[in-house]
Amino acid sequence: MDSTAVGRVTLAQAEAGGLEGLLLPLVFLVLLYVLLIRPQSKRRKELARLVASLTVGDLVATVGGMHGAVVDLDDDTVDLAVTEDASGAPDVVLRFDRNAVARVIEKADAPDDADGDTA
């Protein structure tokens, strides 16, 4: 085999290796998106929906672990009753940023109709 033929074979191998060299990083980027970025984005959207759907009476837990019942809502804050007195009225009410709510433990019951009809 002469040196020209060897040069052509080496050039062909180098060109084929370039495509294979791009395949591994592309597979890595796709896996990164599927395993990390997409689930994180879905969780963030779900948490935003949860925070937007808070209503008075919901039992919630904050990111710091505080459990309480929602007693008042504002655009940016939520007031949680964390203890009750003997009559059942809120005793200690703490104000948190709405984004501090990590999960809803129990949703407040929907208000019933005054006449009792469910139509």
Protein backbone atom coordinates (compact mmCIF):
# COMPACT_ATOMS: atom_id res chain seq x y z
CA MET A 1 0.00 0.00 0.00
CA ASP A 2 1.44 3.39 -0.89
CA SER A 3 1.44 6.47 1.33
CA THR A 4 -1.43 8.11 -0.61
CA ALA A 5 -3.77 5.20 0.11
CA VAL A 6 -2.80 5.22 3.78
CA GLY A 7 -3.50 8.96 3.94
CA ARG A 8 -6.97 8.48 2.43
CA VAL A 9 -7.83 5.73 4.92
CA THR A 10 -6.66 7.86 7.85
CA LEU A 11 -8.66 10.84 6.57
CA ALA A 12 -11.80 8.70 6.22
CA GLN A 13 -11.36 7.38 9.76
CA ALA A 14 -10.92 10.90 11.13
CA GLU A 15 -14.11 12.15 9.43
CA ALA A 16 -16.12 9.19 10.75
CA GLY A 17 -14.67 9.69 14.24
CA GLY A 18 -15.84 13.32 14.23
CA LEU A 19 -19.47 12.26 13.91
CA GLU A 20 -19.07 9.65 16.61
CA GLY A 21 -17.35 12.22 18.78
CA LEU A 22 -20.43 14.46 18.61
CA LEU A 23 -22.84 11.63 19.36
CA LEU A 24 -21.71 11.08 22.96
CA PRO A 25 -22.09 14.74 24.06
CA LEU A 26 -25.50 14.93 22.38
CA VAL A 27 -26.66 11.79 24.20
CA PHE A 28 -25.33 13.25 27.44
CA LEU A 29 -27.24 16.52 26.92
CA VAL A 30 -30.48 14.66 26.15
CA LEU A 31 -30.10 12.54 29.29
CA LEU A 32 -29.33 15.65 31.35
CA TYR A 33 -32.53 17.29 30.09
CA VAL A 34 -34.72 14.22 30.60
CA LEU A 35 -33.38 13.26 34.03
CA LEU A 36 -32.71 16.64 35.65
CA ILE A 37 -34.04 19.74 33.92
CA ARG A 38 -37.52 18.58 32.88
CA PRO A 39 -38.54 17.07 36.26
CA GLN A 40 -37.27 20.17 38.10
CA SER A 41 -39.30 22.41 35.78
CA LYS A 42 -42.42 20.30 36.32
CA ARG A 43 -42.00 20.47 40.11
CA ARG A 44 -41.55 24.24 39.98
CA LYS A 45 -44.72 24.68 37.90
CA GLU A 46 -46.70 22.38 40.19
CA LEU A 47 -45.56 24.28 43.28
CA ALA A 48 -46.53 27.59 41.66
CA ARG A 49 -50.01 26.16 40.94
CA LEU A 50 -50.28 24.91 44.53
CA VAL A 51 -49.33 28.29 45.99
CA ALA A 52 -51.78 30.08 43.68
CA SER A 53 -54.62 27.75 44.72
CA LEU A 54 -54.27 28.29 48.48
CA THR A 55 -57.50 29.10 50.29
CA VAL A 56 -58.35 30.05 53.86
CA GLY A 57 -58.67 26.90 55.96
CA ASP A 58 -56.08 24.80 54.10
CA LEU A 59 -53.66 22.90 56.31
CA VAL A 60 -50.16 23.46 54.95
CA ALA A 61 -46.50 22.81 55.74
CA THR A 62 -43.76 25.34 55.05
CA VAL A 63 -40.28 24.65 53.73
CA GLY A 64 -39.02 25.11 57.31
CA GLY A 65 -41.33 22.39 58.61
CA MET A 66 -43.94 24.62 60.28
CA HIS A 67 -47.47 23.21 60.05
CA GLY A 68 -50.51 25.42 60.29
CA ALA A 69 -53.90 26.43 58.95
CA VAL A 70 -54.23 29.31 56.52
CA VAL A 71 -56.17 32.15 58.17
CA ASP A 72 -55.41 35.02 55.79
CA LEU A 73 -53.99 35.42 52.29
CA ASP A 74 -52.35 38.34 50.56
CA ASP A 75 -50.69 38.59 47.16
CA ASP A 76 -47.26 37.92 48.65
CA THR A 77 -47.91 36.53 52.13
CA VAL A 78 -49.92 33.89 53.93
CA ASP A 79 -50.86 33.95 57.62
CA LEU A 80 -50.81 30.57 59.35
CA ALA A 81 -52.44 29.72 62.67
CA VAL A 82 -50.01 27.36 64.35
CA THR A 83 -51.79 26.94 67.70
CA GLU A 84 -55.32 27.32 69.00
CA ASP A 85 -56.67 28.38 72.37
CA ALA A 86 -59.17 26.34 74.39
CA SER A 87 -62.12 27.65 72.36
CA GLY A 88 -60.52 26.67 69.05
CA ALA A 89 -59.72 30.23 67.95
CA PRO A 90 -56.23 30.89 66.49
CA ASP A 91 -53.83 31.68 69.31
CA VAL A 92 -50.54 32.19 67.46
CA VAL A 93 -50.62 33.44 63.87
CA LEU A 94 -47.37 33.65 61.90
CA ARG A 95 -46.90 35.44 58.57
CA PHE A 96 -44.92 33.67 55.85
CA ASP A 97 -44.00 34.46 52.30
CA ARG A 98 -46.31 32.55 49.95
CA ASN A 99 -43.31 30.84 48.40
CA ALA A 100 -42.46 29.34 51.80
CA VAL A 101 -45.41 26.94 51.50
CA ALA A 102 -43.99 23.57 50.52
CA ARG A 103 -47.12 21.42 50.44
CA VAL A 104 -50.80 21.31 51.24
CA ILE A 105 -51.61 18.64 53.80
CA GLU A 106 -55.37 19.00 53.61
CA LYS A 107 -57.54 21.28 51.47
CA ALA A 108 -60.34 23.22 53.13
CA ASP A 109 -63.79 21.80 52.49
CA ALA A 110 -65.81 23.59 49.84
CA PRO A 111 -68.50 25.79 51.38
CA ASP A 112 -71.95 24.17 51.39
CA ASP A 113 -75.00 25.87 49.92
CA ALA A 114 -77.16 27.69 52.46
CA ASP A 115 -80.29 25.71 51.55
CA GLY A 116 -78.46 22.37 51.36
CA ASP A 117 -79.10 21.78 47.63
CA THR A 118 -76.21 20.39 45.63
CA ALA A 119 -77.64 21.23 42.21
